């Protein structure tokens, strides 16, 4: 019984130390940025030893990765919460996009994930964070919405990349003090316009076919 309690106590202390380091690191990374935050500042803010930091994390970048994973998971949770009340595919997509932008703009997440992460982490780690924050779900929702409107091949991966980039810019603007409401309106217009255009005939293909037919006229 004593050994079991001791193991549980050690496990709880380990979890508490790790949580303290992530919490302290996050506050400092948001306030000062990754480059301007030192490891002595982190251990002092977490009230742990330098050895504890390196027991849990390889280096400062490894701690930063844990912080950004936490932030990305929070965004994914916000998307899931806001999307549950929507009925149609379009409403679900818009609700998810608005939730993404709002969550990204709050609590320093834009600085962590959009400004510092690309310069600190590897491309593979950044891609992991992008998916964790909802990019893969966004891609699935875009595919479900657009492929229901047309039999044409839709470049879903490319559309997702372009839309994600626009949502990131919106989040950065809002985090910087811009009003949120105009960006929410813009998101709705963008996605509804995309869906409407997808349901129309491919005018480029029609134009190309017409030019080809005219080229073969005697």
C-alpha atoms as a PDB file:
ATOM      1  CA  UNK A   1       0.000   0.000   0.000  1.00  0.00           C
ATOM      2  CA  UNK A   2       2.802   2.395   0.962  1.00  0.00           C
ATOM      3  CA  UNK A   3       4.738   1.632  -2.243  1.00  0.00           C
ATOM      4  CA  UNK A   4       1.626   2.183  -4.344  1.00  0.00           C
ATOM      5  CA  UNK A   5       0.953   5.541  -2.702  1.00  0.00           C
ATOM      6  CA  UNK A   6       4.592   6.549  -3.162  1.00  0.00           C
ATOM      7  CA  UNK A   7       4.506   5.706  -6.863  1.00  0.00           C
ATOM      8  CA  UNK A   8       1.277   7.672  -7.278  1.00  0.00           C
ATOM      9  CA  UNK A   9       2.757  10.594  -5.385  1.00  0.00           C
ATOM     10  CA  UNK A  10       5.906  10.567  -7.541  1.00  0.00           C
ATOM     11  CA  UNK A  11       3.801  10.404 -10.689  1.00  0.00           C
ATOM     12  CA  UNK A  12       1.687  13.334  -9.529  1.00  0.00           C
ATOM     13  CA  UNK A  13       4.798  15.378  -8.730  1.00  0.00           C
ATOM     14  CA  UNK A  14       6.218  14.587 -12.153  1.00  0.00           C
ATOM     15  CA  UNK A  15       3.015  15.696 -13.861  1.00  0.00           C
ATOM     16  CA  UNK A  16       2.870  18.830 -11.713  1.00  0.00           C
ATOM     17  CA  UNK A  17       6.471  19.752 -12.547  1.00  0.00           C
ATOM     18  CA  UNK A  18       5.892  19.266 -16.257  1.00  0.00           C
ATOM     19  CA  UNK A  19       2.681  21.307 -16.119  1.00  0.00           C
ATOM     20  CA  UNK A  20       4.479  24.080 -14.225  1.00  0.00           C
ATOM     21  CA  UNK A  21       7.218  24.248 -16.856  1.00  0.00           C
ATOM     22  CA  UNK A  22       4.716  24.330 -19.719  1.00  0.00           C
ATOM     23  CA  UNK A  23       2.640  26.997 -17.980  1.00  0.00           C
ATOM     24  CA  UNK A  24       5.623  29.183 -17.151  1.00  0.00           C
ATOM     25  CA  UNK A  25       7.134  28.720 -20.578  1.00  0.00           C
ATOM     26  CA  UNK A  26       3.881  29.602 -22.276  1.00  0.00           C
ATOM     27  CA  UNK A  27       3.463  32.845 -20.321  1.00  0.00           C
ATOM     28  CA  UNK A  28       7.013  33.912 -21.107  1.00  0.00           C
ATOM     29  CA  UNK A  29       6.924  32.856 -24.770  1.00  0.00           C
ATOM     30  CA  UNK A  30       3.710  34.821 -25.277  1.00  0.00           C
ATOM     31  CA  UNK A  31       5.000  37.876 -23.435  1.00  0.00           C
ATOM     32  CA  UNK A  32       8.576  38.011 -24.729  1.00  0.00           C
ATOM     33  CA  UNK A  33       8.774  35.630 -27.679  1.00  0.00           C
ATOM     34  CA  UNK A  34      10.837  32.471 -27.952  1.00  0.00           C
ATOM     35  CA  UNK A  35      14.153  34.169 -28.772  1.00  0.00           C
ATOM     36  CA  UNK A  36      13.970  36.609 -25.858  1.00  0.00           C
ATOM     37  CA  UNK A  37      13.029  34.011 -23.250  1.00  0.00           C
ATOM     38  CA  UNK A  38      15.883  32.332 -21.360  1.00  0.00           C
ATOM     39  CA  UNK A  39      15.849  28.978 -19.613  1.00  0.00           C
ATOM     40  CA  UNK A  40      16.804  30.561 -16.244  1.00  0.00           C
ATOM     41  CA  UNK A  41      13.686  32.723 -16.530  1.00  0.00           C
ATOM     42  CA  UNK A  42      11.554  29.678 -17.233  1.00  0.00           C
ATOM     43  CA  UNK A  43      12.797  27.610 -14.276  1.00  0.00           C
ATOM     44  CA  UNK A  44      12.489  30.617 -11.961  1.00  0.00           C
ATOM     45  CA  UNK A  45       8.901  31.271 -13.068  1.00  0.00           C
ATOM     46  CA  UNK A  46       8.044  27.574 -12.710  1.00  0.00           C
ATOM     47  CA  UNK A  47       9.809  27.414  -9.322  1.00  0.00           C
ATOM     48  CA  UNK A  48      11.749  24.304 -10.314  1.00  0.00           C
ATOM     49  CA  UNK A  49      15.415  23.480 -10.826  1.00  0.00           C
ATOM     50  CA  UNK A  50      17.289  23.662 -14.112  1.00  0.00           C
ATOM     51  CA  UNK A  51      17.779  19.902 -13.828  1.00  0.00           C
ATOM     52  CA  UNK A  52      13.995  19.433 -13.736  1.00  0.00           C
ATOM     53  CA  UNK A  53      13.674  21.344 -16.994  1.00  0.00           C
ATOM     54  CA  UNK A  54      16.152  19.099 -18.762  1.00  0.00           C
ATOM     55  CA  UNK A  55      14.667  15.993 -17.189  1.00  0.00           C
ATOM     56  CA  UNK A  56      11.334  16.710 -18.886  1.00  0.00           C
ATOM     57  CA  UNK A  57      12.518  18.468 -22.068  1.00  0.00           C
ATOM     58  CA  UNK A  58      15.551  18.138 -24.279  1.00  0.00           C
ATOM     59  CA  UNK A  59      15.983  21.890 -24.621  1.00  0.00           C
ATOM     60  CA  UNK A  60      14.015  25.137 -24.823  1.00  0.00           C
ATOM     61  CA  UNK A  61      12.695  24.264 -28.274  1.00  0.00           C
ATOM     62  CA  UNK A  62      11.338  20.960 -26.964  1.00  0.00           C
ATOM     63  CA  UNK A  63       9.466  22.846 -24.237  1.00  0.00           C
ATOM     64  CA  UNK A  64       8.175  25.260 -26.859  1.00  0.00           C
ATOM     65  CA  UNK A  65       6.870  22.326 -28.896  1.00  0.00           C
ATOM     66  CA  UNK A  66       4.912  21.109 -25.861  1.00  0.00           C
ATOM     67  CA  UNK A  67       3.501  24.613 -25.371  1.00  0.00           C
ATOM     68  CA  UNK A  68       2.423  24.900 -28.996  1.00  0.00           C
ATOM     69  CA  UNK A  69       0.839  21.444 -28.960  1.00  0.00           C
ATOM     70  CA  UNK A  70      -1.230  22.529 -25.981  1.00  0.00           C
ATOM     71  CA  UNK A  71      -2.289  25.710 -27.802  1.00  0.00           C
ATOM     72  CA  UNK A  72      -3.184  23.796 -30.971  1.00  0.00           C
ATOM     73  CA  UNK A  73      -5.284  21.306 -29.008  1.00  0.00           C
ATOM     74  CA  UNK A  74      -7.196  24.208 -27.457  1.00  0.00           C
ATOM     75  CA  UNK A  75      -8.050  25.495 -30.929  1.00  0.00           C
ATOM     76  CA  UNK A  76      -9.238  22.060 -32.026  1.00  0.00           C
ATOM     77  CA  UNK A  77     -11.461  21.873 -28.941  1.00  0.00           C
ATOM     78  CA  UNK A  78     -12.939  25.292 -29.712  1.00  0.00           C
ATOM     79  CA  UNK A  79     -13.745  24.197 -33.269  1.00  0.00           C
ATOM     80  CA  UNK A  80     -15.430  21.028 -32.029  1.00  0.00           C
ATOM     81  CA  UNK A  81     -17.536  22.931 -29.494  1.00  0.00           C
ATOM     82  CA  UNK A  82     -18.742  25.564 -31.956  1.00  0.00           C
ATOM     83  CA  UNK A  83     -19.488  23.126 -34.752  1.00  0.00           C
ATOM     84  CA  UNK A  84     -21.777  20.809 -32.823  1.00  0.00           C
ATOM     85  CA  UNK A  85     -24.758  23.186 -33.019  1.00  0.00           C
ATOM     86  CA  UNK A  86     -24.637  23.631 -36.800  1.00  0.00           C
ATOM     87  CA  UNK A  87     -26.853  21.602 -39.093  1.00  0.00           C
ATOM     88  CA  UNK A  88     -25.904  22.075 -42.751  1.00  0.00           C
ATOM     89  CA  UNK A  89     -22.478  21.443 -44.234  1.00  0.00           C
ATOM     90  CA  UNK A  90     -22.089  25.139 -44.971  1.00  0.00           C
ATOM     91  CA  UNK A  91     -23.067  26.185 -41.450  1.00  0.00           C
ATOM     92  CA  UNK A  92     -20.689  23.622 -40.001  1.00  0.00           C
ATOM     93  CA  UNK A  93     -17.824  24.843 -42.168  1.00  0.00           C
ATOM     94  CA  UNK A  94     -18.425  28.518 -41.383  1.00  0.00           C
ATOM     95  CA  UNK A  95     -18.825  27.822 -37.649  1.00  0.00           C
ATOM     96  CA  UNK A  96     -15.589  25.856 -37.629  1.00  0.00           C
ATOM     97  CA  UNK A  97     -13.681  28.550 -39.527  1.00  0.00           C
ATOM     98  CA  UNK A  98     -14.968  31.311 -37.254  1.00  0.00           C
ATOM     99  CA  UNK A  99     -14.104  29.269 -34.167  1.00  0.00           C
ATOM    100  CA  UNK A 100     -10.598  28.659 -35.528  1.00  0.00           C
ATOM    101  CA  UNK A 101      -9.941  32.350 -36.135  1.00  0.00           C
ATOM    102  CA  UNK A 102     -11.358  33.405 -32.769  1.00  0.00           C
ATOM    103  CA  UNK A 103      -9.440  30.771 -30.809  1.00  0.00           C
ATOM    104  CA  UNK A 104      -6.190  31.423 -32.698  1.00  0.00           C
ATOM    105  CA  UNK A 105      -6.437  35.152 -31.979  1.00  0.00           C
ATOM    106  CA  UNK A 106      -6.870  34.647 -28.229  1.00  0.00           C
ATOM    107  CA  UNK A 107      -4.448  33.969 -25.361  1.00  0.00           C
ATOM    108  CA  UNK A 108      -1.280  34.487 -27.374  1.00  0.00           C
ATOM    109  CA  UNK A 109      -1.893  31.521 -29.653  1.00  0.00           C
ATOM    110  CA  UNK A 110      -1.287  33.538 -32.822  1.00  0.00           C
ATOM    111  CA  UNK A 111       2.157  34.541 -31.626  1.00  0.00           C
ATOM    112  CA  UNK A 112       3.029  31.006 -30.567  1.00  0.00           C
ATOM    113  CA  UNK A 113       1.704  29.139 -33.605  1.00  0.00           C
ATOM    114  CA  UNK A 114       1.888  31.653 -36.438  1.00  0.00           C
ATOM    115  CA  UNK A 115       4.881  33.861 -35.622  1.00  0.00           C
ATOM    116  CA  UNK A 116       7.369  31.872 -33.556  1.00  0.00           C
ATOM    117  CA  UNK A 117       6.629  28.238 -34.440  1.00  0.00           C
ATOM    118  CA  UNK A 118       7.738  28.444 -38.122  1.00  0.00           C
ATOM    119  CA  UNK A 119      11.140  29.831 -37.099  1.00  0.00           C
ATOM    120  CA  UNK A 120      11.695  27.556 -34.093  1.00  0.00           C
ATOM    121  CA  UNK A 121      10.301  24.178 -35.114  1.00  0.00           C
ATOM    122  CA  UNK A 122      10.944  21.846 -38.036  1.00  0.00           C
ATOM    123  CA  UNK A 123       8.575  21.834 -41.045  1.00  0.00           C
ATOM    124  CA  UNK A 124       7.284  18.426 -39.941  1.00  0.00           C
ATOM    125  CA  UNK A 125       6.504  19.738 -36.455  1.00  0.00           C
ATOM    126  CA  UNK A 126       4.757  22.801 -37.866  1.00  0.00           C
ATOM    127  CA  UNK A 127       2.685  20.567 -40.139  1.00  0.00           C
ATOM    128  CA  UNK A 128       1.755  18.443 -37.112  1.00  0.00           C
ATOM    129  CA  UNK A 129       0.578  21.550 -35.258  1.00  0.00           C
ATOM    130  CA  UNK A 130      -1.406  22.715 -38.268  1.00  0.00           C
ATOM    131  CA  UNK A 131      -3.273  19.413 -38.406  1.00  0.00           C
ATOM    132  CA  UNK A 132      -3.699  19.338 -34.644  1.00  0.00           C
ATOM    133  CA  UNK A 133      -5.253  22.818 -34.721  1.00  0.00           C
ATOM    134  CA  UNK A 134      -7.929  21.724 -37.185  1.00  0.00           C
ATOM    135  CA  UNK A 135      -6.505  21.837 -40.726  1.00  0.00           C
ATOM    136  CA  UNK A 136      -7.317  18.201 -41.440  1.00  0.00           C
ATOM    137  CA  UNK A 137     -10.873  18.669 -40.177  1.00  0.00           C
ATOM    138  CA  UNK A 138     -11.221  21.797 -42.297  1.00  0.00           C
ATOM    139  CA  UNK A 139     -10.064  19.821 -45.324  1.00  0.00           C
ATOM    140  CA  UNK A 140     -12.636  17.107 -44.652  1.00  0.00           C
ATOM    141  CA  UNK A 141     -15.422  19.671 -44.340  1.00  0.00           C
ATOM    142  CA  UNK A 142     -14.413  21.468 -47.527  1.00  0.00           C
ATOM    143  CA  UNK A 143     -14.333  18.171 -49.403  1.00  0.00           C
ATOM    144  CA  UNK A 144     -17.754  17.137 -48.079  1.00  0.00           C
ATOM    145  CA  UNK A 145     -19.304  20.475 -49.021  1.00  0.00           C
ATOM    146  CA  UNK A 146     -17.789  21.012 -52.452  1.00  0.00           C
ATOM    147  CA  UNK A 147     -17.818  17.461 -53.766  1.00  0.00           C
ATOM    148  CA  UNK A 148     -21.548  17.324 -53.079  1.00  0.00           C
ATOM    149  CA  UNK A 149     -22.017  20.209 -55.517  1.00  0.00           C
ATOM    150  CA  UNK A 150     -20.067  18.994 -58.519  1.00  0.00           C
ATOM    151  CA  UNK A 151     -18.641  15.930 -60.214  1.00  0.00           C
ATOM    152  CA  UNK A 152     -15.531  17.848 -61.219  1.00  0.00           C
ATOM    153  CA  UNK A 153     -12.218  17.167 -59.522  1.00  0.00           C
ATOM    154  CA  UNK A 154     -11.754  19.667 -56.703  1.00  0.00           C
ATOM    155  CA  UNK A 155      -8.204  20.609 -55.598  1.00  0.00           C
ATOM    156  CA  UNK A 156      -9.131  20.188 -51.937  1.00  0.00           C
ATOM    157  CA  UNK A 157      -5.564  20.198 -50.582  1.00  0.00           C
ATOM    158  CA  UNK A 158      -4.743  23.428 -52.370  1.00  0.00           C
ATOM    159  CA  UNK A 159      -8.020  25.069 -51.372  1.00  0.00           C
ATOM    160  CA  UNK A 160      -7.425  24.093 -47.765  1.00  0.00           C
ATOM    161  CA  UNK A 161      -3.921  25.586 -47.841  1.00  0.00           C
ATOM    162  CA  UNK A 162      -5.200  28.863 -49.296  1.00  0.00           C
ATOM    163  CA  UNK A 163      -8.140  29.106 -46.902  1.00  0.00           C
ATOM    164  CA  UNK A 164      -5.954  28.233 -43.913  1.00  0.00           C
ATOM    165  CA  UNK A 165      -3.529  30.982 -44.874  1.00  0.00           C
ATOM    166  CA  UNK A 166      -6.353  33.511 -45.084  1.00  0.00           C
ATOM    167  CA  UNK A 167      -7.720  32.409 -41.709  1.00  0.00           C
ATOM    168  CA  UNK A 168      -4.231  32.730 -40.192  1.00  0.00           C
ATOM    169  CA  UNK A 169      -3.960  36.310 -41.503  1.00  0.00           C
ATOM    170  CA  UNK A 170      -7.366  37.108 -40.022  1.00  0.00           C
ATOM    171  CA  UNK A 171      -6.315  35.707 -36.640  1.00  0.00           C
ATOM    172  CA  UNK A 172      -3.102  37.751 -36.662  1.00  0.00           C
ATOM    173  CA  UNK A 173      -5.051  40.901 -37.493  1.00  0.00           C
ATOM    174  CA  UNK A 174      -7.574  40.294 -34.702  1.00  0.00           C
ATOM    175  CA  UNK A 175      -4.807  39.437 -32.245  1.00  0.00           C
ATOM    176  CA  UNK A 176      -3.240  42.760 -33.206  1.00  0.00           C
ATOM    177  CA  UNK A 177      -6.388  44.692 -32.324  1.00  0.00           C
ATOM    178  CA  UNK A 178      -8.567  44.525 -35.450  1.00  0.00           C
ATOM    179  CA  UNK A 179     -12.312  44.092 -34.999  1.00  0.00           C
ATOM    180  CA  UNK A 180     -13.482  40.497 -35.188  1.00  0.00           C
ATOM    181  CA  UNK A 181     -16.946  41.060 -36.718  1.00  0.00           C
ATOM    182  CA  UNK A 182     -15.817  42.174 -40.212  1.00  0.00           C
ATOM    183  CA  UNK A 183     -13.572  39.125 -40.470  1.00  0.00           C
ATOM    184  CA  UNK A 184     -16.442  36.829 -39.487  1.00  0.00           C
ATOM    185  CA  UNK A 185     -18.523  38.378 -42.263  1.00  0.00           C
ATOM    186  CA  UNK A 186     -15.659  37.967 -44.698  1.00  0.00           C
ATOM    187  CA  UNK A 187     -15.299  34.284 -43.787  1.00  0.00           C
ATOM    188  CA  UNK A 188     -18.973  33.677 -44.561  1.00  0.00           C
ATOM    189  CA  UNK A 189     -18.762  35.518 -47.877  1.00  0.00           C
ATOM    190  CA  UNK A 190     -15.607  33.672 -48.869  1.00  0.00           C
ATOM    191  CA  UNK A 191     -16.908  30.191 -48.119  1.00  0.00           C
ATOM    192  CA  UNK A 192     -20.384  30.770 -49.547  1.00  0.00           C
ATOM    193  CA  UNK A 193     -18.862  32.279 -52.679  1.00  0.00           C
ATOM    194  CA  UNK A 194     -16.550  29.316 -53.049  1.00  0.00           C
ATOM    195  CA  UNK A 195     -19.439  26.869 -52.723  1.00  0.00           C
ATOM    196  CA  UNK A 196     -21.543  28.827 -55.211  1.00  0.00           C
ATOM    197  CA  UNK A 197     -18.715  28.975 -57.733  1.00  0.00           C
ATOM    198  CA  UNK A 198     -18.091  25.257 -57.383  1.00  0.00           C
ATOM    199  CA  UNK A 199     -21.678  24.522 -58.338  1.00  0.00           C
ATOM    200  CA  UNK A 200     -21.327  26.483 -61.579  1.00  0.00           C
ATOM    201  CA  UNK A 201     -20.036  25.002 -64.846  1.00  0.00           C
ATOM    202  CA  UNK A 202     -16.293  25.098 -65.288  1.00  0.00           C
ATOM    203  CA  UNK A 203     -16.085  28.186 -67.481  1.00  0.00           C
ATOM    204  CA  UNK A 204     -12.382  27.779 -68.097  1.00  0.00           C
ATOM    205  CA  UNK A 205     -12.886  24.226 -69.310  1.00  0.00           C
ATOM    206  CA  UNK A 206     -15.828  25.324 -71.479  1.00  0.00           C
ATOM    207  CA  UNK A 207     -13.804  28.179 -72.922  1.00  0.00           C
ATOM    208  CA  UNK A 208     -10.880  25.878 -73.671  1.00  0.00           C
ATOM    209  CA  UNK A 209     -13.191  23.351 -75.304  1.00  0.00           C
ATOM    210  CA  UNK A 210     -14.779  26.064 -77.419  1.00  0.00           C
ATOM    211  CA  UNK A 211     -11.418  27.329 -78.582  1.00  0.00           C
ATOM    212  CA  UNK A 212     -10.383  23.774 -79.424  1.00  0.00           C
ATOM    213  CA  UNK A 213     -13.541  23.204 -81.460  1.00  0.00           C
ATOM    214  CA  UNK A 214     -13.082  26.470 -83.326  1.00  0.00           C
ATOM    215  CA  UNK A 215      -9.499  25.510 -84.092  1.00  0.00           C
ATOM    216  CA  UNK A 216     -10.757  22.416 -85.920  1.00  0.00           C
ATOM    217  CA  UNK A 217     -13.347  24.241 -88.021  1.00  0.00           C
ATOM    218  CA  UNK A 218     -12.526  24.268 -91.758  1.00  0.00           C
END
